[in-house]
Amino acid sequence: MMPRRSIPPLLIFVCSMMLSRASAWSTVRYRAKHQVVQVVAVAPTRCQMVKEDDSIGSKHSGYNVLGTELSCCCSNVGGSGIGTGFYRNGFCATGDMDMGRHTVCVRVTDEFLSYSKSVGNDLSTTMPEYNFPGLKDGDIWCLCAQRWAQAYNAGKAPRLYLQATHEKTLDYIPLEILKVFAIDANEANAVMNKLALQRKELDELVRTEVRDDENSFQ
């Protein structure tokens, strides 16, 4: 009889850590500087091929609000050739230099752009000195988390892509609110269901390993 092959403890630990990160959405942090009130009860092509070594953050730009790897938001805003995000690489990545936390991947509307301009954040006017193309209705952009919260409070918040919205957004806005505005809600739910199944399978493997180890000492 062949000896039973034991699952290496390190492999179990690594898998557990990966899945626990993906479940972080269930324990949402909330540290909004702009108070966010409680919620009252097919996307256009956004990304071209992005070379992994083109710019800072493009190879691995962090995790999204679901706990999985951050997806590209838009690498060619309005056909301008300019990528969105603080690093202009198409991702809503963030870092120490990004004081505004450009982490929410949104699809802007005329209504939102008009509101944003009215509160001193003109996103419609081109600013070449900042490599900013100026936005129009339907464009995809990495918006500051606090700006999105501000627009939400005013009833002007644009819809967004959960898988391309950086996890740092959860410092300002609860996931349950973001999900209400999600354009990719169906895709995001499929991802979470798959992760839940993988977590269940891993838990069963761990329980089996523990039982087998206990029996081996009897």
N, C-alpha and C. Protein backbone atom coordinates (compact mmCIF):
# COMPACT_ATOMS: atom_id res chain seq x y z
N MET A 1 0.86 -1.20 0.00
CA MET A 1 0.00 0.00 0.00
C MET A 1 0.89 1.24 0.00
N MET A 2 0.58 2.17 -0.89
CA MET A 2 1.40 3.39 -1.00
C MET A 2 1.17 4.28 0.22
N PRO A 3 2.22 4.89 0.76
CA PRO A 3 2.05 5.78 1.92
C PRO A 3 1.27 7.03 1.53
N ARG A 4 0.46 7.52 2.46
CA ARG A 4 -0.32 8.72 2.21
C ARG A 4 0.59 9.94 2.08
N ARG A 5 0.32 10.75 1.05
CA ARG A 5 1.11 11.95 0.84
C ARG A 5 0.52 13.10 1.64
N SER A 6 1.30 13.64 2.53
CA SER A 6 0.83 14.72 3.40
C SER A 6 0.91 16.06 2.68
N ILE A 7 -0.06 16.93 2.94
CA ILE A 7 -0.04 18.28 2.37
C ILE A 7 0.94 19.13 3.15
N PRO A 8 1.95 19.71 2.50
CA PRO A 8 2.93 20.53 3.23
C PRO A 8 2.26 21.66 4.00
N PRO A 9 2.57 21.84 5.28
CA PRO A 9 1.96 22.92 6.07
C PRO A 9 2.15 24.29 5.44
N LEU A 10 3.31 24.54 4.81
CA LEU A 10 3.57 25.83 4.19
C LEU A 10 2.59 26.10 3.06
N LEU A 11 2.26 25.06 2.26
CA LEU A 11 1.32 25.22 1.16
C LEU A 11 -0.06 25.56 1.69
N ILE A 12 -0.47 24.90 2.75
CA ILE A 12 -1.77 25.20 3.36
C ILE A 12 -1.80 26.63 3.85
N PHE A 13 -0.71 27.08 4.49
CA PHE A 13 -0.66 28.44 5.02
C PHE A 13 -0.77 29.47 3.90
N VAL A 14 0.01 29.26 2.81
CA VAL A 14 -0.01 30.21 1.69
C VAL A 14 -1.39 30.29 1.07
N CYS A 15 -2.02 29.14 0.82
CA CYS A 15 -3.37 29.12 0.23
C CYS A 15 -4.37 29.81 1.14
N SER A 16 -4.24 29.58 2.44
CA SER A 16 -5.15 30.21 3.40
C SER A 16 -5.02 31.72 3.37
N MET A 17 -3.78 32.21 3.29
CA MET A 17 -3.55 33.65 3.26
C MET A 17 -4.15 34.27 2.02
N MET A 18 -4.00 33.59 0.86
CA MET A 18 -4.54 34.12 -0.39
C MET A 18 -6.06 34.20 -0.34
N LEU A 19 -6.69 33.17 0.19
CA LEU A 19 -8.14 33.16 0.26
C LEU A 19 -8.67 34.11 1.32
N SER A 20 -7.93 34.28 2.42
CA SER A 20 -8.39 35.19 3.45
C SER A 20 -8.36 36.62 2.96
N ARG A 21 -7.39 36.96 2.10
CA ARG A 21 -7.35 38.30 1.52
C ARG A 21 -8.58 38.54 0.66
N ALA A 22 -8.97 37.51 -0.08
CA ALA A 22 -10.13 37.64 -0.96
C ALA A 22 -11.43 37.75 -0.18
N SER A 23 -11.42 37.34 1.09
CA SER A 23 -12.64 37.45 1.89
C SER A 23 -12.67 38.72 2.72
N ALA A 24 -11.68 39.58 2.52
CA ALA A 24 -11.58 40.81 3.32
C ALA A 24 -12.77 41.73 3.11
N TRP A 25 -13.46 41.57 1.97
CA TRP A 25 -14.62 42.42 1.68
C TRP A 25 -15.71 42.28 2.74
N SER A 26 -15.75 41.15 3.46
CA SER A 26 -16.81 40.92 4.43
C SER A 26 -16.57 41.65 5.73
N THR A 27 -15.34 42.17 5.92
CA THR A 27 -15.03 42.96 7.11
C THR A 27 -14.53 44.31 6.66
N VAL A 28 -15.44 45.08 6.08
CA VAL A 28 -15.08 46.33 5.45
C VAL A 28 -14.66 47.39 6.45
N ARG A 29 -13.55 48.05 6.15
CA ARG A 29 -13.11 49.18 6.95
C ARG A 29 -13.82 50.43 6.49
N TYR A 30 -14.00 51.40 7.38
CA TYR A 30 -14.70 52.62 7.00
C TYR A 30 -14.10 53.79 7.77
N ARG A 31 -13.38 54.65 7.06
CA ARG A 31 -12.71 55.78 7.67
C ARG A 31 -12.94 57.00 6.80
N ALA A 32 -14.19 57.30 6.48
CA ALA A 32 -14.50 58.35 5.52
C ALA A 32 -14.28 59.73 6.12
N LYS A 33 -13.59 60.58 5.37
CA LYS A 33 -13.44 61.97 5.76
C LYS A 33 -14.66 62.77 5.31
N HIS A 34 -15.28 62.35 4.20
CA HIS A 34 -16.56 62.91 3.78
C HIS A 34 -17.59 61.87 4.18
N GLN A 35 -18.51 62.22 5.09
CA GLN A 35 -19.48 61.25 5.56
C GLN A 35 -20.24 60.64 4.40
N VAL A 36 -20.30 59.33 4.39
CA VAL A 36 -21.08 58.61 3.38
C VAL A 36 -22.31 58.06 4.06
N VAL A 37 -23.49 58.46 3.61
CA VAL A 37 -24.73 58.02 4.23
C VAL A 37 -25.07 56.63 3.76
N GLN A 38 -26.01 56.00 4.42
CA GLN A 38 -26.42 54.66 4.06
C GLN A 38 -27.16 54.67 2.72
N VAL A 39 -27.07 53.55 2.01
CA VAL A 39 -27.74 53.44 0.72
C VAL A 39 -29.24 53.33 0.93
N VAL A 40 -29.99 54.12 0.22
CA VAL A 40 -31.43 53.97 0.17
C VAL A 40 -31.71 52.93 -0.91
N ALA A 41 -32.55 52.04 0.24
CA ALA A 41 -32.81 50.93 -0.60
C ALA A 41 -33.42 51.24 -2.01
N VAL A 42 -23.22 46.07 -21.66
CA VAL A 42 -21.92 45.45 -21.58
C VAL A 42 -20.88 46.52 -21.85
N ALA A 43 -19.98 46.60 -20.61
CA ALA A 43 -19.04 47.71 -20.59
C ALA A 43 -18.22 47.82 -21.88
N PRO A 44 -17.87 49.06 -22.28
CA PRO A 44 -17.02 49.23 -23.46
C PRO A 44 -15.61 48.68 -23.21
N THR A 45 -14.89 48.42 -24.27
CA THR A 45 -13.51 47.96 -24.12
C THR A 45 -12.70 49.05 -23.44
N ARG A 46 -12.04 48.69 -22.36
CA ARG A 46 -11.36 49.70 -21.56
C ARG A 46 -9.85 49.62 -21.65
N CYS A 47 -9.34 48.43 -21.94
CA CYS A 47 -7.89 48.24 -21.84
C CYS A 47 -7.29 47.62 -23.09
N GLN A 48 -6.23 48.23 -23.55
CA GLN A 48 -5.42 47.63 -24.58
C GLN A 48 -4.37 46.78 -23.89
N MET A 49 -3.52 46.11 -24.67
CA MET A 49 -2.46 45.33 -24.06
C MET A 49 -1.51 46.27 -23.31
N VAL A 50 -1.22 45.94 -22.07
CA VAL A 50 -0.31 46.75 -21.25
C VAL A 50 0.97 45.97 -21.02
N LYS A 51 2.09 46.51 -21.45
CA LYS A 51 3.38 45.84 -21.21
C LYS A 51 3.69 45.87 -19.73
N GLU A 52 4.13 44.74 -19.21
CA GLU A 52 4.33 44.62 -17.78
C GLU A 52 5.44 45.51 -17.25
N ASP A 53 6.36 45.91 -18.10
CA ASP A 53 7.49 46.71 -17.61
C ASP A 53 7.43 48.15 -18.12
N ASP A 54 6.27 48.57 -18.59
CA ASP A 54 6.15 49.90 -19.16
C ASP A 54 6.29 51.02 -18.13
N SER A 55 5.66 50.85 -16.97
CA SER A 55 5.65 51.94 -16.00
C SER A 55 5.44 51.40 -14.60
N ILE A 56 5.57 52.29 -13.63
CA ILE A 56 5.44 51.90 -12.24
C ILE A 56 4.07 51.30 -11.99
N GLY A 57 4.04 50.16 -11.35
CA GLY A 57 2.77 49.59 -10.93
C GLY A 57 2.05 48.75 -11.95
N SER A 58 2.55 48.66 -13.21
CA SER A 58 1.81 47.92 -14.22
C SER A 58 1.99 46.41 -14.10
N LYS A 59 3.11 45.97 -13.55
CA LYS A 59 3.34 44.53 -13.43
C LYS A 59 2.44 43.93 -12.36
N HIS A 60 2.35 44.58 -11.22
CA HIS A 60 1.42 44.15 -10.18
C HIS A 60 0.99 45.40 -9.43
N SER A 61 -0.25 45.78 -9.60
CA SER A 61 -0.72 47.06 -9.09
C SER A 61 -1.51 46.94 -7.80
N GLY A 62 -1.44 45.80 -7.15
CA GLY A 62 -2.14 45.64 -5.89
C GLY A 62 -3.41 44.82 -6.03
N TYR A 63 -4.32 45.02 -5.08
CA TYR A 63 -5.55 44.23 -5.02
C TYR A 63 -6.77 45.14 -5.11
N ASN A 64 -7.86 44.57 -5.59
CA ASN A 64 -9.10 45.35 -5.69
C ASN A 64 -9.94 45.18 -4.44
N VAL A 65 -11.13 45.78 -4.44
CA VAL A 65 -12.00 45.75 -3.26
C VAL A 65 -12.57 44.37 -2.97
N LEU A 66 -12.44 43.44 -3.91
CA LEU A 66 -12.89 42.07 -3.70
C LEU A 66 -11.79 41.21 -3.08
N GLY A 67 -10.56 41.74 -3.08
CA GLY A 67 -9.43 41.00 -2.53
C GLY A 67 -8.65 40.24 -3.57
N THR A 68 -9.01 40.37 -4.86
CA THR A 68 -8.27 39.71 -5.93
C THR A 68 -7.37 40.73 -6.64
N GLU A 69 -6.56 40.23 -7.59
CA GLU A 69 -5.61 41.12 -8.24
C GLU A 69 -6.32 42.24 -9.00
N LEU A 70 -5.80 43.44 -8.89
CA LEU A 70 -6.40 44.62 -9.50
C LEU A 70 -6.39 44.52 -11.02
N SER A 71 -7.56 44.76 -11.65
CA SER A 71 -7.67 44.74 -13.10
C SER A 71 -7.36 46.12 -13.66
N CYS A 72 -7.02 46.15 -14.94
CA CYS A 72 -6.80 47.42 -15.64
C CYS A 72 -8.11 48.20 -15.67
N CYS A 73 -8.03 49.51 -15.47
CA CYS A 73 -9.21 50.37 -15.52
C CYS A 73 -9.40 50.90 -16.94
N CYS A 74 -8.43 51.64 -17.46
CA CYS A 74 -8.49 52.12 -18.84
C CYS A 74 -7.10 52.58 -19.28
N SER A 75 -6.58 51.96 -20.33
CA SER A 75 -5.24 52.27 -20.80
C SER A 75 -5.22 53.28 -21.95
N ASN A 76 -6.41 53.69 -22.41
CA ASN A 76 -6.48 54.62 -23.54
C ASN A 76 -7.73 55.48 -23.37
N VAL A 77 -7.65 56.46 -22.50
CA VAL A 77 -8.82 57.26 -22.13
C VAL A 77 -9.33 58.10 -23.30
N GLY A 78 -10.54 57.82 -23.71
CA GLY A 78 -11.17 58.59 -24.78
C GLY A 78 -10.39 58.59 -26.08
N GLY A 79 -9.58 57.56 -26.32
CA GLY A 79 -8.78 57.49 -27.53
C GLY A 79 -7.60 58.45 -27.54
N SER A 80 -7.23 58.95 -26.37
CA SER A 80 -6.15 59.94 -26.26
C SER A 80 -4.76 59.31 -26.24
N GLY A 81 -4.71 58.01 -25.99
CA GLY A 81 -3.42 57.34 -25.82
C GLY A 81 -2.88 57.44 -24.41
N ILE A 82 -3.62 58.11 -23.54
CA ILE A 82 -3.21 58.30 -22.15
C ILE A 82 -3.91 57.27 -21.27
N GLY A 83 -3.15 56.63 -20.40
CA GLY A 83 -3.75 55.70 -19.46
C GLY A 83 -4.21 56.44 -18.22
N THR A 84 -5.23 55.91 -17.57
CA THR A 84 -5.73 56.55 -16.36
C THR A 84 -4.89 56.15 -15.16
N GLY A 85 -5.23 56.67 -14.00
CA GLY A 85 -4.55 56.35 -12.76
C GLY A 85 -3.47 57.35 -12.40
N PHE A 86 -3.08 57.35 -11.16
CA PHE A 86 -2.05 58.28 -10.68
C PHE A 86 -0.76 58.11 -11.46
N TYR A 87 -0.45 56.85 -11.84
CA TYR A 87 0.77 56.57 -12.58
C TYR A 87 0.57 56.59 -14.10
N ARG A 88 -0.65 56.86 -14.54
CA ARG A 88 -1.01 56.93 -15.96
C ARG A 88 -0.67 55.62 -16.70
N ASN A 89 -0.81 54.51 -15.99
CA ASN A 89 -0.52 53.21 -16.60
C ASN A 89 -1.77 52.39 -16.86
N GLY A 90 -2.94 52.98 -16.64
CA GLY A 90 -4.19 52.29 -16.88
C GLY A 90 -4.80 51.64 -15.66
N PHE A 91 -4.06 51.63 -14.53
CA PHE A 91 -4.53 51.00 -13.30
C PHE A 91 -4.83 52.05 -12.22
N CYS A 92 -5.82 51.76 -11.38
CA CYS A 92 -6.11 52.64 -10.25
C CYS A 92 -5.21 52.27 -9.07
N ALA A 93 -3.92 52.15 -9.35
CA ALA A 93 -2.94 51.84 -8.31
C ALA A 93 -2.68 53.10 -7.48
N THR A 94 -2.12 52.91 -6.31
CA THR A 94 -1.84 54.04 -5.45
C THR A 94 -0.55 53.80 -4.69
N GLY A 95 -0.04 54.83 -4.06
CA GLY A 95 1.20 54.74 -3.31
C GLY A 95 1.35 55.94 -2.41
N ASP A 96 2.50 56.06 -1.79
CA ASP A 96 2.72 57.14 -0.83
C ASP A 96 2.61 58.53 -1.46
N MET A 97 2.96 58.64 -2.74
CA MET A 97 2.91 59.95 -3.39
C MET A 97 1.50 60.34 -3.82
N ASP A 98 0.61 59.37 -3.88
CA ASP A 98 -0.76 59.63 -4.30
C ASP A 98 -1.60 60.08 -3.12
N MET A 99 -1.50 61.36 -2.79
CA MET A 99 -2.22 61.90 -1.64
C MET A 99 -3.73 61.89 -1.85
N GLY A 100 -4.17 61.95 -3.11
CA GLY A 100 -5.60 62.00 -3.40
C GLY A 100 -6.27 60.65 -3.49
N ARG A 101 -5.48 59.55 -3.46
CA ARG A 101 -6.03 58.21 -3.57
C ARG A 101 -6.93 58.07 -4.79
N HIS A 102 -6.28 58.07 -5.98
CA HIS A 102 -7.00 57.89 -7.25
C HIS A 102 -7.30 56.40 -7.45
N THR A 103 -8.26 55.89 -6.73
CA THR A 103 -8.44 54.44 -6.62
C THR A 103 -9.77 53.90 -7.14
N VAL A 104 -10.72 54.75 -7.52
CA VAL A 104 -12.04 54.29 -7.93
C VAL A 104 -12.16 54.35 -9.46
N CYS A 105 -12.34 53.20 -10.09
CA CYS A 105 -12.46 53.13 -11.54
C CYS A 105 -13.91 53.41 -11.95
N VAL A 106 -14.16 54.60 -12.48
CA VAL A 106 -15.53 55.02 -12.78
C VAL A 106 -15.74 55.25 -14.28
N ARG A 107 -17.00 55.22 -14.68
CA ARG A 107 -17.39 55.63 -16.02
C ARG A 107 -18.17 56.92 -15.87
N VAL A 108 -17.61 58.02 -16.31
CA VAL A 108 -18.18 59.33 -16.03
C VAL A 108 -19.40 59.61 -16.91
N THR A 109 -20.24 60.49 -16.42
CA THR A 109 -21.42 60.96 -17.14
C THR A 109 -21.38 62.48 -17.22
N ASP A 110 -22.16 63.04 -18.11
CA ASP A 110 -22.24 64.50 -18.20
C ASP A 110 -22.73 65.10 -16.88
N GLU A 111 -23.68 64.43 -16.26
CA GLU A 111 -24.21 64.92 -14.98
C GLU A 111 -23.11 64.98 -13.92
N PHE A 112 -22.32 63.91 -13.84
CA PHE A 112 -21.24 63.89 -12.85
C PHE A 112 -20.19 64.95 -13.17
N LEU A 113 -19.80 65.07 -14.43
CA LEU A 113 -18.77 66.04 -14.81
C LEU A 113 -19.22 67.46 -14.50
N SER A 114 -20.49 67.74 -14.73
CA SER A 114 -21.03 69.07 -14.41
C SER A 114 -20.98 69.32 -12.91
N TYR A 115 -21.38 68.30 -12.14
CA TYR A 115 -21.35 68.44 -10.68
C TYR A 115 -19.92 68.62 -10.19
N SER A 116 -19.00 67.79 -10.71
CA SER A 116 -17.61 67.86 -10.27
C SER A 116 -17.01 69.25 -10.52
N LYS A 117 -17.32 69.82 -11.67
CA LYS A 117 -16.82 71.16 -11.99
C LYS A 117 -17.41 72.19 -11.05
N SER A 118 -18.67 71.99 -10.66
CA SER A 118 -19.35 72.95 -9.78
C SER A 118 -18.76 72.99 -8.37
N VAL A 119 -18.08 71.89 -7.97
CA VAL A 119 -17.47 71.86 -6.64
C VAL A 119 -15.96 72.03 -6.72
N GLY A 120 -15.48 72.54 -7.85
CA GLY A 120 -14.07 72.91 -7.97
C GLY A 120 -13.14 71.84 -8.50
N ASN A 121 -13.69 70.77 -9.08
CA ASN A 121 -12.84 69.71 -9.63
C ASN A 121 -13.19 69.53 -11.10
N ASP A 122 -12.60 70.37 -11.94
CA ASP A 122 -12.90 70.37 -13.38
C ASP A 122 -12.20 69.20 -14.05
N LEU A 123 -12.99 68.21 -14.44
CA LEU A 123 -12.45 67.02 -15.10
C LEU A 123 -12.72 67.03 -16.60
N SER A 124 -13.31 68.11 -17.09
CA SER A 124 -13.67 68.18 -18.51
C SER A 124 -12.61 68.88 -19.35
N THR A 125 -11.80 69.70 -18.74
CA THR A 125 -10.82 70.52 -19.45
C THR A 125 -9.47 69.80 -19.56
N THR A 126 -8.95 69.77 -20.78
CA THR A 126 -7.64 69.15 -21.01
C THR A 126 -6.53 69.92 -20.30
N MET A 127 -5.61 69.20 -19.65
CA MET A 127 -4.47 69.81 -18.99
C MET A 127 -3.20 69.03 -19.36
N PRO A 128 -2.58 69.39 -20.48
CA PRO A 128 -1.39 68.67 -20.97
C PRO A 128 -0.25 68.62 -19.96
N GLU A 129 -0.13 69.66 -19.15
CA GLU A 129 0.96 69.70 -18.18
C GLU A 129 0.87 68.58 -17.13
N TYR A 130 -0.35 68.03 -16.96
CA TYR A 130 -0.56 66.92 -16.04
C TYR A 130 -0.87 65.62 -16.79
N ASN A 131 -0.62 65.63 -18.10
CA ASN A 131 -0.92 64.46 -18.92
C ASN A 131 -2.37 64.03 -18.75
N PHE A 132 -3.25 65.04 -18.71
CA PHE A 132 -4.68 64.81 -18.49
C PHE A 132 -5.46 65.16 -19.75
N PRO A 133 -6.19 64.19 -20.32
CA PRO A 133 -6.85 64.41 -21.61
C PRO A 133 -8.16 65.18 -21.55
N GLY A 134 -8.71 65.36 -20.35
CA GLY A 134 -10.06 65.92 -20.26
C GLY A 134 -11.07 64.82 -20.54
N LEU A 135 -12.13 64.78 -19.73
CA LEU A 135 -13.08 63.68 -19.84
C LEU A 135 -14.40 64.12 -20.45
N LYS A 136 -15.06 63.17 -21.09
CA LYS A 136 -16.40 63.39 -21.64
C LYS A 136 -17.28 62.21 -21.25
N ASP A 137 -18.56 62.33 -21.46
CA ASP A 137 -19.51 61.29 -21.11
C ASP A 137 -19.08 59.92 -21.66
N GLY A 138 -19.02 58.92 -20.77
CA GLY A 138 -18.65 57.57 -21.18
C GLY A 138 -17.19 57.22 -20.98
N ASP A 139 -16.33 58.20 -20.72
CA ASP A 139 -14.91 57.91 -20.50
C ASP A 139 -14.72 57.19 -19.16
N ILE A 140 -13.64 56.41 -19.09
CA ILE A 140 -13.30 55.67 -17.88
C ILE A 140 -12.10 56.33 -17.21
N TRP A 141 -12.18 56.54 -15.90
CA TRP A 141 -11.13 57.27 -15.20
C TRP A 141 -11.00 56.79 -13.76
N CYS A 142 -9.80 56.90 -13.21
CA CYS A 142 -9.55 56.58 -11.80
C CYS A 142 -9.82 57.84 -10.97
N LEU A 143 -10.93 57.85 -10.31
CA LEU A 143 -11.36 59.01 -9.52
C LEU A 143 -10.87 58.88 -8.08
N CYS A 144 -10.61 60.02 -7.45
CA CYS A 144 -10.22 60.02 -6.04
C CYS A 144 -11.37 59.46 -5.20
N ALA A 145 -11.03 58.63 -4.23
CA ALA A 145 -12.04 57.99 -3.39
C ALA A 145 -12.90 59.02 -2.65
N GLN A 146 -12.27 60.07 -2.13
CA GLN A 146 -13.03 61.09 -1.40
C GLN A 146 -13.94 61.87 -2.34
N ARG A 147 -13.51 62.06 -3.58
CA ARG A 147 -14.36 62.76 -4.56
C ARG A 147 -15.59 61.92 -4.89
N TRP A 148 -15.39 60.59 -5.00
CA TRP A 148 -16.54 59.73 -5.27
C TRP A 148 -17.52 59.78 -4.11
N ALA A 149 -16.99 59.74 -2.87
CA ALA A 149 -17.85 59.82 -1.69
C ALA A 149 -18.61 61.14 -1.65
N GLN A 150 -17.92 62.22 -2.03
CA GLN A 150 -18.56 63.54 -2.08
C GLN A 150 -19.70 63.54 -3.09
N ALA A 151 -19.46 62.97 -4.27
CA ALA A 151 -20.48 62.91 -5.31
C ALA A 151 -21.64 62.00 -4.87
N TYR A 152 -21.31 60.94 -4.16
CA TYR A 152 -22.36 60.04 -3.67
C TYR A 152 -23.30 60.76 -2.72
N ASN A 153 -22.72 61.53 -1.82
CA ASN A 153 -23.54 62.28 -0.86
C ASN A 153 -24.44 63.29 -1.55
N ALA A 154 -24.01 63.77 -2.72
CA ALA A 154 -24.80 64.75 -3.47
C ALA A 154 -25.75 64.08 -4.47
N GLY A 155 -25.73 62.74 -4.50
CA GLY A 155 -26.59 62.02 -5.43
C GLY A 155 -26.10 62.06 -6.87
N LYS A 156 -24.79 62.27 -7.07
CA LYS A 156 -24.22 62.40 -8.42
C LYS A 156 -23.11 61.38 -8.69
N ALA A 157 -23.00 60.38 -7.88
CA ALA A 157 -21.88 59.43 -8.02
C ALA A 157 -21.97 58.64 -9.32
N PRO A 158 -20.87 58.51 -10.05
CA PRO A 158 -20.86 57.71 -11.28
C PRO A 158 -20.75 56.22 -10.95
N ARG A 159 -21.12 55.38 -11.90
CA ARG A 159 -20.99 53.94 -11.72
C ARG A 159 -19.51 53.54 -11.84
N LEU A 160 -19.20 52.33 -11.42
CA LEU A 160 -17.79 51.95 -11.29
C LEU A 160 -17.57 50.46 -11.58
N TYR A 161 -16.29 50.11 -11.69
CA TYR A 161 -15.86 48.73 -11.91
C TYR A 161 -15.19 48.23 -10.64
N LEU A 162 -15.81 47.28 -9.96
CA LEU A 162 -15.27 46.76 -8.71
C LEU A 162 -13.89 46.13 -8.88
N GLN A 163 -13.72 45.34 -9.94
CA GLN A 163 -12.47 44.61 -10.11
C GLN A 163 -11.29 45.51 -10.47
N ALA A 164 -11.58 46.74 -10.88
CA ALA A 164 -10.52 47.69 -11.21
C ALA A 164 -10.41 48.80 -10.17
N THR A 165 -11.18 48.69 -9.08
CA THR A 165 -11.14 49.67 -7.99
C THR A 165 -10.25 49.15 -6.87
N HIS A 166 -9.23 49.93 -6.53
CA HIS A 166 -8.22 49.50 -5.56
C HIS A 166 -8.81 49.33 -4.16
N GLU A 167 -8.25 48.37 -3.42
CA GLU A 167 -8.75 48.07 -2.08
C GLU A 167 -8.65 49.24 -1.10
N LYS A 168 -7.75 50.19 -1.35
CA LYS A 168 -7.64 51.36 -0.47
C LYS A 168 -8.92 52.20 -0.46
N THR A 169 -9.76 52.01 -1.46
CA THR A 169 -11.04 52.71 -1.50
C THR A 169 -11.88 52.37 -0.28
N LEU A 170 -11.70 51.18 0.27
CA LEU A 170 -12.49 50.75 1.42
C LEU A 170 -12.16 51.54 2.69
N ASP A 171 -11.10 52.33 2.66
CA ASP A 171 -10.80 53.21 3.78
C ASP A 171 -11.78 54.38 3.82
N TYR A 172 -12.50 54.59 2.72
CA TYR A 172 -13.39 55.75 2.61
C TYR A 172 -14.84 55.38 2.32
N ILE A 173 -15.06 54.26 1.65
CA ILE A 173 -16.40 53.90 1.21
C ILE A 173 -16.64 52.42 1.47
N PRO A 174 -17.74 52.06 2.12
CA PRO A 174 -18.04 50.64 2.37
C PRO A 174 -18.32 49.88 1.07
N LEU A 175 -17.92 48.62 1.04
CA LEU A 175 -18.12 47.81 -0.15
C LEU A 175 -19.59 47.69 -0.53
N GLU A 176 -20.47 47.60 0.45
CA GLU A 176 -21.89 47.43 0.15
C GLU A 176 -22.42 48.60 -0.67
N ILE A 177 -21.89 49.80 -0.47
CA ILE A 177 -22.30 50.95 -1.27
C ILE A 177 -21.70 50.86 -2.67
N LEU A 178 -20.43 50.50 -2.74
CA LEU A 178 -19.77 50.37 -4.05
C LEU A 178 -20.49 49.35 -4.92
N LYS A 179 -20.94 48.25 -4.33
CA LYS A 179 -21.60 47.19 -5.09
C LYS A 179 -22.89 47.67 -5.75
N VAL A 180 -23.55 48.62 -5.13
CA VAL A 180 -24.79 49.16 -5.71
C VAL A 180 -24.52 49.86 -7.03
N PHE A 181 -23.32 50.43 -7.19
CA PHE A 181 -22.97 51.19 -8.39
C PHE A 181 -22.11 50.39 -9.36
N ALA A 182 -21.92 49.10 -9.09
CA ALA A 182 -21.00 48.29 -9.89
C ALA A 182 -21.54 47.99 -11.28
N ILE A 183 -20.73 48.30 -12.30
CA ILE A 183 -21.05 47.93 -13.68
C ILE A 183 -20.76 46.45 -13.90
N ASP A 184 -19.74 45.95 -13.23
CA ASP A 184 -19.32 44.56 -13.38
C ASP A 184 -19.81 43.68 -12.22
N ALA A 185 -21.01 43.95 -11.72
CA ALA A 185 -21.53 43.23 -10.56
C ALA A 185 -21.61 41.73 -10.81
N ASN A 186 -22.10 41.32 -11.97
CA ASN A 186 -22.23 39.88 -12.26
C ASN A 186 -20.88 39.19 -12.28
N GLU A 187 -19.89 39.82 -12.92
CA GLU A 187 -18.55 39.25 -12.96
C GLU A 187 -17.96 39.16 -11.56
N ALA A 188 -18.16 40.21 -10.77
CA ALA A 188 -17.62 40.25 -9.41
C ALA A 188 -18.25 39.16 -8.55
N ASN A 189 -19.55 38.95 -8.70
CA ASN A 189 -20.23 37.90 -7.93
C ASN A 189 -19.70 36.52 -8.31
N ALA A 190 -19.43 36.32 -9.60
CA ALA A 190 -18.88 35.04 -10.06
C ALA A 190 -17.51 34.80 -9.44
N VAL A 191 -16.69 35.85 -9.37
CA VAL A 191 -15.36 35.74 -8.76
C VAL A 191 -15.48 35.36 -7.29
N MET A 192 -16.39 36.03 -6.57
CA MET A 192 -16.54 35.76 -5.16
C MET A 192 -17.09 34.36 -4.90
N ASN A 193 -18.01 33.90 -5.76
CA ASN A 193 -18.54 32.54 -5.61
C ASN A 193 -17.44 31.50 -5.83
N LYS A 194 -16.58 31.74 -6.81
CA LYS A 194 -15.48 30.82 -7.08
C LYS A 194 -14.51 30.78 -5.89
N LEU A 195 -14.22 31.94 -5.34
CA LEU A 195 -13.32 32.00 -4.19
C LEU A 195 -13.93 31.30 -2.98
N ALA A 196 -15.24 31.46 -2.80
CA ALA A 196 -15.91 30.80 -1.68
C ALA A 196 -15.82 29.28 -1.81
N LEU A 197 -15.97 28.78 -3.05
CA LEU A 197 -15.86 27.34 -3.29
C LEU A 197 -14.44 26.86 -3.01
N GLN A 198 -13.44 27.61 -3.47
CA GLN A 198 -12.06 27.24 -3.23
C GLN A 198 -11.74 27.25 -1.73
N ARG A 199 -12.30 28.22 -1.02
CA ARG A 199 -12.08 28.31 0.42
C ARG A 199 -12.68 27.09 1.12
N LYS A 200 -13.87 26.69 0.67
CA LYS A 200 -14.52 25.52 1.26
C LYS A 200 -13.70 24.27 1.02
N GLU A 201 -13.17 24.12 -0.20
CA GLU A 201 -12.36 22.94 -0.53
C GLU A 201 -11.07 22.92 0.29
N LEU A 202 -10.45 24.10 0.45
CA LEU A 202 -9.22 24.17 1.25
C LEU A 202 -9.50 23.83 2.71
N ASP A 203 -10.60 24.34 3.25
CA ASP A 203 -10.97 24.04 4.63
C ASP A 203 -11.15 22.54 4.82
N GLU A 204 -11.76 21.89 3.85
CA GLU A 204 -11.98 20.44 3.95
C GLU A 204 -10.65 19.69 3.90
N LEU A 205 -9.72 20.14 3.04
CA LEU A 205 -8.40 19.53 2.99
C LEU A 205 -7.67 19.66 4.32
N VAL A 206 -7.76 20.83 4.92
CA VAL A 206 -7.10 21.07 6.20
C VAL A 206 -7.70 20.18 7.28
N ARG A 207 -9.04 20.09 7.31
CA ARG A 207 -9.70 19.25 8.31
C ARG A 207 -9.30 17.77 8.14
N THR A 208 -9.24 17.33 6.88
CA THR A 208 -8.83 15.95 6.61
C THR A 208 -7.40 15.69 7.06
N GLU A 209 -6.52 16.65 6.78
CA GLU A 209 -5.12 16.52 7.18
C GLU A 209 -4.99 16.44 8.70
N VAL A 210 -5.77 17.26 9.41
CA VAL A 210 -5.71 17.26 10.87
C VAL A 210 -6.21 15.92 11.41
N ARG A 211 -7.32 15.41 10.85
CA ARG A 211 -7.86 14.13 11.32
C ARG A 211 -6.86 13.00 11.09
N ASP A 212 -6.23 12.98 9.89
CA ASP A 212 -5.27 11.94 9.57
C ASP A 212 -4.05 12.01 10.49
N ASP A 213 -3.61 13.23 10.80
CA ASP A 213 -2.46 13.38 11.70
C ASP A 213 -2.81 12.88 13.09
N GLU A 214 -4.03 13.19 13.56
CA GLU A 214 -4.44 12.75 14.88
C GLU A 214 -4.51 11.23 14.94
N ASN A 215 -5.03 10.61 13.88
CA ASN A 215 -5.13 9.16 13.84
C ASN A 215 -3.76 8.48 13.83
N SER A 216 -2.79 9.15 13.21
CA SER A 216 -1.46 8.54 13.10
C SER A 216 -0.76 8.43 14.43
N PHE A 217 -1.22 9.20 15.43
CA PHE A 217 -0.60 9.17 16.76
C PHE A 217 -1.36 8.26 17.72
N GLN A 218 -2.44 7.67 17.28
CA GLN A 218 -3.21 6.81 18.16
C GLN A 218 -2.64 5.40 18.20
